[in-house]
């Protein structure tokens, strides 16, 4: 099978590949995701789980299937690299996703990206980043994690939450109010979008009012909150561990009584 030629990136193009540039330019984000996305208008339909992609990859003027891509690139990938890809794919999930709303420090955004990739959370959503400041390059913070994630940019909470709910997610906003649920008391086997807010203001009133529940991490010391990127990492880690534990127990139960 003939493999389409891909133009090499110039040094100038590589220098633009930073989290800041990506979040300000939706075209740059879409370049990281080569597969054709499934239209959100399709909703869940009869699918048990939402999956964002069609088996259709654009390569120049052609469209190839994933099997054709694998056939073409496999001879050029080392076995150790293939195994790393297999391991990453096996541990990837769309059942938990992360939403960052209005973060003003791109270092924090980059850190959440890195944590999401490390924990196998594939889908990350960014709502209305503050564009009034100039930020330093933060690629060293994300360690290139943005290349491996599905990053979706939104101009409003309403738009983001509407699409997430159509995909079957419940919306869990982090909040320090009286009506919050401890993250340790939640059932994370339910597809959930974890929302973290601005470093100073926290979650917006609109996001709080549109969410399905408010959650918090119980604090043991004198301070009442974590840094937002630390909180996001802790939430995602607990969500993945709790979900895995519940699914394993459910599987063992089914095997025992069937």
C-alpha atoms as a PDB file:
ATOM      1  CA  UNK A   1       0.000   0.000   0.000  1.00  0.00           C
ATOM      2  CA  UNK A   2       1.377   3.407  -0.931  1.00  0.00           C
ATOM      3  CA  UNK A   3       1.945   5.643   2.060  1.00  0.00           C
ATOM      4  CA  UNK A   4       1.072   9.349   1.551  1.00  0.00           C
ATOM      5  CA  UNK A   5       4.040  11.666   1.981  1.00  0.00           C
ATOM      6  CA  UNK A   6       3.863  13.951   4.993  1.00  0.00           C
ATOM      7  CA  UNK A   7       5.677  17.262   4.912  1.00  0.00           C
ATOM      8  CA  UNK A   8       8.280  17.684   7.641  1.00  0.00           C
ATOM      9  CA  UNK A   9       7.618  20.326  10.308  1.00  0.00           C
ATOM     10  CA  UNK A  10       9.824  23.372  10.163  1.00  0.00           C
ATOM     11  CA  UNK A  11      11.509  24.618  13.363  1.00  0.00           C
ATOM     12  CA  UNK A  12       9.087  27.551  13.332  1.00  0.00           C
ATOM     13  CA  UNK A  13       6.092  25.225  13.325  1.00  0.00           C
ATOM     14  CA  UNK A  14       7.539  23.199  16.211  1.00  0.00           C
ATOM     15  CA  UNK A  15       8.087  26.307  18.319  1.00  0.00           C
ATOM     16  CA  UNK A  16       4.361  27.079  18.095  1.00  0.00           C
ATOM     17  CA  UNK A  17       3.450  23.692  19.503  1.00  0.00           C
ATOM     18  CA  UNK A  18       2.913  24.925  23.069  1.00  0.00           C
ATOM     19  CA  UNK A  19      -0.085  24.656  25.362  1.00  0.00           C
ATOM     20  CA  UNK A  20      -0.655  28.399  25.181  1.00  0.00           C
ATOM     21  CA  UNK A  21      -0.716  28.439  21.382  1.00  0.00           C
ATOM     22  CA  UNK A  22      -2.962  25.386  21.274  1.00  0.00           C
ATOM     23  CA  UNK A  23      -5.555  26.867  23.588  1.00  0.00           C
ATOM     24  CA  UNK A  24      -5.734  30.127  21.668  1.00  0.00           C
ATOM     25  CA  UNK A  25      -5.901  28.511  18.246  1.00  0.00           C
ATOM     26  CA  UNK A  26      -8.508  25.823  17.669  1.00  0.00           C
ATOM     27  CA  UNK A  27      -6.930  24.956  14.319  1.00  0.00           C
ATOM     28  CA  UNK A  28      -3.714  23.972  16.114  1.00  0.00           C
ATOM     29  CA  UNK A  29      -5.674  21.689  18.447  1.00  0.00           C
ATOM     30  CA  UNK A  30      -7.438  19.982  15.554  1.00  0.00           C
ATOM     31  CA  UNK A  31      -4.080  19.260  13.896  1.00  0.00           C
ATOM     32  CA  UNK A  32      -3.186  17.011  16.826  1.00  0.00           C
ATOM     33  CA  UNK A  33      -6.273  14.872  16.221  1.00  0.00           C
ATOM     34  CA  UNK A  34      -6.023  13.345  12.754  1.00  0.00           C
ATOM     35  CA  UNK A  35      -8.957  10.940  12.925  1.00  0.00           C
ATOM     36  CA  UNK A  36     -12.350  12.166  11.772  1.00  0.00           C
ATOM     37  CA  UNK A  37     -14.555  13.012  14.742  1.00  0.00           C
ATOM     38  CA  UNK A  38     -18.049  11.666  15.161  1.00  0.00           C
ATOM     39  CA  UNK A  39     -20.632  14.483  14.948  1.00  0.00           C
ATOM     40  CA  UNK A  40     -22.067  15.349  18.360  1.00  0.00           C
ATOM     41  CA  UNK A  41     -25.507  15.535  16.752  1.00  0.00           C
ATOM     42  CA  UNK A  42     -25.459  11.739  16.651  1.00  0.00           C
ATOM     43  CA  UNK A  43     -25.644  11.612  20.459  1.00  0.00           C
ATOM     44  CA  UNK A  44     -25.407   8.233  22.128  1.00  0.00           C
ATOM     45  CA  UNK A  45     -28.105   6.562  20.058  1.00  0.00           C
ATOM     46  CA  UNK A  46     -27.952   2.829  20.665  1.00  0.00           C
ATOM     47  CA  UNK A  47     -24.301   2.907  21.770  1.00  0.00           C
ATOM     48  CA  UNK A  48     -23.607   1.931  25.355  1.00  0.00           C
ATOM     49  CA  UNK A  49     -20.576   4.211  25.499  1.00  0.00           C
ATOM     50  CA  UNK A  50     -19.782   7.389  23.641  1.00  0.00           C
ATOM     51  CA  UNK A  51     -16.664   7.248  21.448  1.00  0.00           C
ATOM     52  CA  UNK A  52     -15.595  10.357  19.529  1.00  0.00           C
ATOM     53  CA  UNK A  53     -13.955   8.957  16.408  1.00  0.00           C
ATOM     54  CA  UNK A  54     -14.853   7.319  13.144  1.00  0.00           C
ATOM     55  CA  UNK A  55     -12.467   4.744  11.660  1.00  0.00           C
ATOM     56  CA  UNK A  56     -11.392   7.332   9.136  1.00  0.00           C
ATOM     57  CA  UNK A  57      -8.022   9.130   9.100  1.00  0.00           C
ATOM     58  CA  UNK A  58      -7.206  12.034   6.787  1.00  0.00           C
ATOM     59  CA  UNK A  59      -3.761  11.748   5.205  1.00  0.00           C
ATOM     60  CA  UNK A  60      -3.210  14.513   2.683  1.00  0.00           C
ATOM     61  CA  UNK A  61      -6.060  14.231   0.178  1.00  0.00           C
ATOM     62  CA  UNK A  62      -6.778  10.605   1.132  1.00  0.00           C
ATOM     63  CA  UNK A  63      -8.761   8.891   3.874  1.00  0.00           C
ATOM     64  CA  UNK A  64      -7.370   5.706   5.410  1.00  0.00           C
ATOM     65  CA  UNK A  65      -8.712   3.250   7.964  1.00  0.00           C
ATOM     66  CA  UNK A  66      -6.865   2.576  11.219  1.00  0.00           C
ATOM     67  CA  UNK A  67      -5.866  -0.889   9.967  1.00  0.00           C
ATOM     68  CA  UNK A  68      -4.292   0.647   6.858  1.00  0.00           C
ATOM     69  CA  UNK A  69      -2.360   3.133   9.000  1.00  0.00           C
ATOM     70  CA  UNK A  70      -1.082   0.346  11.250  1.00  0.00           C
ATOM     71  CA  UNK A  71      -0.066  -1.738   8.250  1.00  0.00           C
ATOM     72  CA  UNK A  72       1.932   1.185   6.872  1.00  0.00           C
ATOM     73  CA  UNK A  73       3.756   2.305  10.034  1.00  0.00           C
ATOM     74  CA  UNK A  74       4.295  -0.987  11.889  1.00  0.00           C
ATOM     75  CA  UNK A  75       7.591  -1.875  10.101  1.00  0.00           C
ATOM     76  CA  UNK A  76       9.083   1.440  11.227  1.00  0.00           C
ATOM     77  CA  UNK A  77       8.225   1.260  14.941  1.00  0.00           C
ATOM     78  CA  UNK A  78      10.437  -0.500  17.481  1.00  0.00           C
ATOM     79  CA  UNK A  79       8.847  -3.355  19.420  1.00  0.00           C
ATOM     80  CA  UNK A  80       9.346  -1.532  22.725  1.00  0.00           C
ATOM     81  CA  UNK A  81       7.496   1.485  21.329  1.00  0.00           C
ATOM     82  CA  UNK A  82       4.656  -0.722  20.077  1.00  0.00           C
ATOM     83  CA  UNK A  83       4.318  -2.270  23.514  1.00  0.00           C
ATOM     84  CA  UNK A  84       4.193   1.156  25.109  1.00  0.00           C
ATOM     85  CA  UNK A  85       1.395   2.174  22.735  1.00  0.00           C
ATOM     86  CA  UNK A  86      -0.526  -1.030  23.523  1.00  0.00           C
ATOM     87  CA  UNK A  87      -0.153  -0.439  27.249  1.00  0.00           C
ATOM     88  CA  UNK A  88      -1.348   3.167  26.934  1.00  0.00           C
ATOM     89  CA  UNK A  89      -4.358   2.245  24.801  1.00  0.00           C
ATOM     90  CA  UNK A  90      -5.338  -0.593  27.146  1.00  0.00           C
ATOM     91  CA  UNK A  91      -5.436   1.829  30.064  1.00  0.00           C
ATOM     92  CA  UNK A  92      -7.169   4.726  28.277  1.00  0.00           C
ATOM     93  CA  UNK A  93     -10.691   5.731  29.258  1.00  0.00           C
ATOM     94  CA  UNK A  94     -13.403   8.140  28.158  1.00  0.00           C
ATOM     95  CA  UNK A  95     -15.566   7.269  31.170  1.00  0.00           C
ATOM     96  CA  UNK A  96     -13.930  10.055  33.178  1.00  0.00           C
ATOM     97  CA  UNK A  97     -13.025  13.371  31.587  1.00  0.00           C
ATOM     98  CA  UNK A  98     -11.603  16.649  32.886  1.00  0.00           C
ATOM     99  CA  UNK A  99     -12.989  20.155  32.412  1.00  0.00           C
ATOM    100  CA  UNK A 100     -10.877  23.188  33.339  1.00  0.00           C
ATOM    101  CA  UNK A 101     -12.896  26.389  33.555  1.00  0.00           C
ATOM    102  CA  UNK A 102     -11.314  29.822  33.320  1.00  0.00           C
ATOM    103  CA  UNK A 103      -7.834  28.972  34.588  1.00  0.00           C
ATOM    104  CA  UNK A 104      -5.584  32.032  34.386  1.00  0.00           C
ATOM    105  CA  UNK A 105      -2.196  30.279  34.674  1.00  0.00           C
ATOM    106  CA  UNK A 106      -1.187  28.140  31.726  1.00  0.00           C
ATOM    107  CA  UNK A 107       1.277  26.344  33.974  1.00  0.00           C
ATOM    108  CA  UNK A 108      -1.731  24.924  35.813  1.00  0.00           C
ATOM    109  CA  UNK A 109      -3.462  24.009  32.549  1.00  0.00           C
ATOM    110  CA  UNK A 110      -0.321  22.232  31.359  1.00  0.00           C
ATOM    111  CA  UNK A 111       0.022  20.372  34.661  1.00  0.00           C
ATOM    112  CA  UNK A 112      -3.574  19.096  34.449  1.00  0.00           C
ATOM    113  CA  UNK A 113      -2.893  17.865  30.913  1.00  0.00           C
ATOM    114  CA  UNK A 114       0.144  15.937  32.105  1.00  0.00           C
ATOM    115  CA  UNK A 115      -1.793  14.362  34.996  1.00  0.00           C
ATOM    116  CA  UNK A 116      -4.691  13.402  32.704  1.00  0.00           C
ATOM    117  CA  UNK A 117      -2.393  11.628  30.255  1.00  0.00           C
ATOM    118  CA  UNK A 118      -0.465   9.882  33.044  1.00  0.00           C
ATOM    119  CA  UNK A 119      -3.712   8.555  34.551  1.00  0.00           C
ATOM    120  CA  UNK A 120      -5.166   7.363  31.230  1.00  0.00           C
ATOM    121  CA  UNK A 121      -7.882  10.030  30.957  1.00  0.00           C
ATOM    122  CA  UNK A 122      -8.157  10.758  27.262  1.00  0.00           C
ATOM    123  CA  UNK A 123     -10.632  13.641  27.064  1.00  0.00           C
ATOM    124  CA  UNK A 124      -9.875  17.148  28.367  1.00  0.00           C
ATOM    125  CA  UNK A 125     -12.064  20.238  27.932  1.00  0.00           C
ATOM    126  CA  UNK A 126     -10.946  23.838  28.348  1.00  0.00           C
ATOM    127  CA  UNK A 127     -13.562  26.561  28.886  1.00  0.00           C
ATOM    128  CA  UNK A 128     -12.859  30.236  28.231  1.00  0.00           C
ATOM    129  CA  UNK A 129      -9.212  30.703  29.111  1.00  0.00           C
ATOM    130  CA  UNK A 130      -8.279  34.244  30.178  1.00  0.00           C
ATOM    131  CA  UNK A 131      -6.618  35.835  27.140  1.00  0.00           C
ATOM    132  CA  UNK A 132      -5.862  39.194  28.799  1.00  0.00           C
ATOM    133  CA  UNK A 133      -2.381  38.161  29.915  1.00  0.00           C
ATOM    134  CA  UNK A 134       0.750  36.965  28.173  1.00  0.00           C
ATOM    135  CA  UNK A 135       2.026  33.650  29.463  1.00  0.00           C
ATOM    136  CA  UNK A 136       5.392  31.990  29.403  1.00  0.00           C
ATOM    137  CA  UNK A 137       5.850  28.786  27.408  1.00  0.00           C
ATOM    138  CA  UNK A 138       4.758  25.799  29.468  1.00  0.00           C
ATOM    139  CA  UNK A 139       5.536  22.838  27.276  1.00  0.00           C
ATOM    140  CA  UNK A 140       8.139  21.737  29.841  1.00  0.00           C
ATOM    141  CA  UNK A 141       5.313  21.437  32.393  1.00  0.00           C
ATOM    142  CA  UNK A 142       2.993  19.312  30.242  1.00  0.00           C
ATOM    143  CA  UNK A 143       5.936  17.237  28.911  1.00  0.00           C
ATOM    144  CA  UNK A 144       4.190  17.046  25.523  1.00  0.00           C
ATOM    145  CA  UNK A 145       1.081  15.403  26.999  1.00  0.00           C
ATOM    146  CA  UNK A 146      -1.145  17.541  24.769  1.00  0.00           C
ATOM    147  CA  UNK A 147      -0.048  15.411  21.769  1.00  0.00           C
ATOM    148  CA  UNK A 148      -1.748  12.339  23.254  1.00  0.00           C
ATOM    149  CA  UNK A 149      -5.005  13.890  24.499  1.00  0.00           C
ATOM    150  CA  UNK A 150      -8.332  14.866  22.978  1.00  0.00           C
ATOM    151  CA  UNK A 151      -8.467  18.577  23.787  1.00  0.00           C
ATOM    152  CA  UNK A 152     -11.723  20.410  23.131  1.00  0.00           C
ATOM    153  CA  UNK A 153     -12.025  24.180  23.509  1.00  0.00           C
ATOM    154  CA  UNK A 154     -15.265  25.902  24.519  1.00  0.00           C
ATOM    155  CA  UNK A 155     -16.330  29.530  24.662  1.00  0.00           C
ATOM    156  CA  UNK A 156     -18.982  28.998  27.332  1.00  0.00           C
ATOM    157  CA  UNK A 157     -19.924  26.675  30.179  1.00  0.00           C
ATOM    158  CA  UNK A 158     -23.398  26.233  28.720  1.00  0.00           C
ATOM    159  CA  UNK A 159     -22.043  24.973  25.395  1.00  0.00           C
ATOM    160  CA  UNK A 160     -19.534  22.626  27.047  1.00  0.00           C
ATOM    161  CA  UNK A 161     -21.961  21.113  29.566  1.00  0.00           C
ATOM    162  CA  UNK A 162     -24.694  20.671  26.971  1.00  0.00           C
ATOM    163  CA  UNK A 163     -22.421  18.569  24.771  1.00  0.00           C
ATOM    164  CA  UNK A 164     -21.005  16.574  27.699  1.00  0.00           C
ATOM    165  CA  UNK A 165     -24.501  15.699  28.944  1.00  0.00           C
ATOM    166  CA  UNK A 166     -25.510  14.624  25.428  1.00  0.00           C
ATOM    167  CA  UNK A 167     -22.550  12.213  25.541  1.00  0.00           C
ATOM    168  CA  UNK A 168     -23.855  10.637  28.745  1.00  0.00           C
ATOM    169  CA  UNK A 169     -21.656  12.337  31.341  1.00  0.00           C
ATOM    170  CA  UNK A 170     -22.816  13.609  34.719  1.00  0.00           C
ATOM    171  CA  UNK A 171     -21.189  16.918  35.648  1.00  0.00           C
ATOM    172  CA  UNK A 172     -19.334  17.029  38.984  1.00  0.00           C
ATOM    173  CA  UNK A 173     -18.025  20.478  39.946  1.00  0.00           C
ATOM    174  CA  UNK A 174     -15.458  20.930  42.708  1.00  0.00           C
ATOM    175  CA  UNK A 175     -16.797  23.271  45.391  1.00  0.00           C
ATOM    176  CA  UNK A 176     -16.324  24.096  49.069  1.00  0.00           C
ATOM    177  CA  UNK A 177     -19.998  24.696  49.929  1.00  0.00           C
ATOM    178  CA  UNK A 178     -22.328  22.987  52.385  1.00  0.00           C
ATOM    179  CA  UNK A 179     -24.011  20.836  49.742  1.00  0.00           C
ATOM    180  CA  UNK A 180     -20.867  19.066  48.554  1.00  0.00           C
ATOM    181  CA  UNK A 181     -20.285  15.311  48.475  1.00  0.00           C
ATOM    182  CA  UNK A 182     -16.939  13.848  49.455  1.00  0.00           C
ATOM    183  CA  UNK A 183     -15.151  12.398  46.432  1.00  0.00           C
ATOM    184  CA  UNK A 184     -14.659   9.259  48.545  1.00  0.00           C
ATOM    185  CA  UNK A 185     -18.448   8.752  48.779  1.00  0.00           C
ATOM    186  CA  UNK A 186     -19.095   8.979  45.039  1.00  0.00           C
ATOM    187  CA  UNK A 187     -19.649   6.092  42.644  1.00  0.00           C
ATOM    188  CA  UNK A 188     -17.107   6.753  39.909  1.00  0.00           C
ATOM    189  CA  UNK A 189     -18.303   3.870  37.735  1.00  0.00           C
ATOM    190  CA  UNK A 190     -20.818   6.376  36.347  1.00  0.00           C
ATOM    191  CA  UNK A 191     -19.348   8.356  33.396  1.00  0.00           C
ATOM    192  CA  UNK A 192     -18.328  11.655  34.981  1.00  0.00           C
ATOM    193  CA  UNK A 193     -16.902  15.001  33.878  1.00  0.00           C
ATOM    194  CA  UNK A 194     -14.758  16.497  36.673  1.00  0.00           C
ATOM    195  CA  UNK A 195     -14.807  20.299  36.611  1.00  0.00           C
ATOM    196  CA  UNK A 196     -12.149  22.458  38.280  1.00  0.00           C
ATOM    197  CA  UNK A 197     -12.277  26.258  38.314  1.00  0.00           C
ATOM    198  CA  UNK A 198     -10.232  29.424  38.407  1.00  0.00           C
ATOM    199  CA  UNK A 199      -7.303  29.634  40.821  1.00  0.00           C
ATOM    200  CA  UNK A 200      -8.841  32.536  42.790  1.00  0.00           C
ATOM    201  CA  UNK A 201     -12.572  32.586  42.024  1.00  0.00           C
ATOM    202  CA  UNK A 202     -13.119  28.842  41.805  1.00  0.00           C
ATOM    203  CA  UNK A 203     -16.061  27.435  39.846  1.00  0.00           C
ATOM    204  CA  UNK A 204     -18.369  30.016  38.265  1.00  0.00           C
ATOM    205  CA  UNK A 205     -21.983  30.373  39.434  1.00  0.00           C
ATOM    206  CA  UNK A 206     -23.140  29.261  36.000  1.00  0.00           C
ATOM    207  CA  UNK A 207     -21.124  26.037  36.222  1.00  0.00           C
ATOM    208  CA  UNK A 208     -22.328  25.348  39.773  1.00  0.00           C
ATOM    209  CA  UNK A 209     -25.949  25.865  38.756  1.00  0.00           C
ATOM    210  CA  UNK A 210     -25.659  23.663  35.660  1.00  0.00           C
ATOM    211  CA  UNK A 211     -23.815  20.743  37.278  1.00  0.00           C
ATOM    212  CA  UNK A 212     -25.385  17.516  38.529  1.00  0.00           C
ATOM    213  CA  UNK A 213     -23.495  17.509  41.832  1.00  0.00           C
ATOM    214  CA  UNK A 214     -20.822  19.346  43.802  1.00  0.00           C
ATOM    215  CA  UNK A 215     -17.871  17.436  45.231  1.00  0.00           C
ATOM    216  CA  UNK A 216     -14.830  18.165  47.363  1.00  0.00           C
ATOM    217  CA  UNK A 217     -11.673  16.541  48.700  1.00  0.00           C
ATOM    218  CA  UNK A 218     -11.803  16.368  52.518  1.00  0.00           C
ATOM    219  CA  UNK A 219      -9.013  18.482  54.016  1.00  0.00           C
ATOM    220  CA  UNK A 220      -7.067  17.317  57.088  1.00  0.00           C
ATOM    221  CA  UNK A 221      -4.974  20.391  57.818  1.00  0.00           C
ATOM    222  CA  UNK A 222      -5.432  24.121  58.409  1.00  0.00           C
ATOM    223  CA  UNK A 223      -5.711  25.185  54.754  1.00  0.00           C
ATOM    224  CA  UNK A 224      -9.052  24.703  53.030  1.00  0.00           C
ATOM    225  CA  UNK A 225      -7.975  23.912  49.471  1.00  0.00           C
ATOM    226  CA  UNK A 226      -5.297  22.490  47.173  1.00  0.00           C
ATOM    227  CA  UNK A 227      -3.635  24.200  44.239  1.00  0.00           C
ATOM    228  CA  UNK A 228      -6.010  23.650  41.306  1.00  0.00           C
ATOM    229  CA  UNK A 229      -3.625  21.417  39.331  1.00  0.00           C
ATOM    230  CA  UNK A 230      -2.930  19.314  42.438  1.00  0.00           C
ATOM    231  CA  UNK A 231      -6.670  19.031  43.148  1.00  0.00           C
ATOM    232  CA  UNK A 232      -7.334  17.956  39.549  1.00  0.00           C
ATOM    233  CA  UNK A 233      -4.616  15.284  39.785  1.00  0.00           C
ATOM    234  CA  UNK A 234      -5.971  13.927  43.082  1.00  0.00           C
ATOM    235  CA  UNK A 235      -9.541  13.848  41.754  1.00  0.00           C
ATOM    236  CA  UNK A 236      -8.591  12.062  38.549  1.00  0.00           C
ATOM    237  CA  UNK A 237      -6.420   9.554  40.406  1.00  0.00           C
ATOM    238  CA  UNK A 238      -9.188   8.691  42.860  1.00  0.00           C
ATOM    239  CA  UNK A 239     -11.790   8.501  40.083  1.00  0.00           C
ATOM    240  CA  UNK A 240      -9.681   6.039  38.076  1.00  0.00           C
ATOM    241  CA  UNK A 241      -8.837   3.889  41.132  1.00  0.00           C
ATOM    242  CA  UNK A 242     -12.421   3.829  42.416  1.00  0.00           C
ATOM    243  CA  UNK A 243     -13.841   3.041  38.994  1.00  0.00           C
ATOM    244  CA  UNK A 244     -11.362   0.200  38.439  1.00  0.00           C
ATOM    245  CA  UNK A 245     -12.049  -1.251  41.907  1.00  0.00           C
ATOM    246  CA  UNK A 246     -15.826  -1.164  41.419  1.00  0.00           C
ATOM    247  CA  UNK A 247     -15.650  -2.749  37.976  1.00  0.00           C
ATOM    248  CA  UNK A 248     -13.367  -5.551  39.251  1.00  0.00           C
ATOM    249  CA  UNK A 249     -15.712  -6.265  42.180  1.00  0.00           C
ATOM    250  CA  UNK A 250     -18.689  -6.291  39.819  1.00  0.00           C
ATOM    251  CA  UNK A 251     -16.940  -8.704  37.481  1.00  0.00           C
ATOM    252  CA  UNK A 252     -16.006 -11.044  40.339  1.00  0.00           C
ATOM    253  CA  UNK A 253     -19.582 -10.936  41.631  1.00  0.00           C
ATOM    254  CA  UNK A 254     -20.970 -11.838  38.207  1.00  0.00           C
ATOM    255  CA  UNK A 255     -18.537 -14.734  37.859  1.00  0.00           C
ATOM    256  CA  UNK A 256     -19.394 -16.006  41.332  1.00  0.00           C
ATOM    257  CA  UNK A 257     -23.172 -15.978  40.909  1.00  0.00           C
ATOM    258  CA  UNK A 258     -23.567 -16.937  37.248  1.00  0.00           C
END
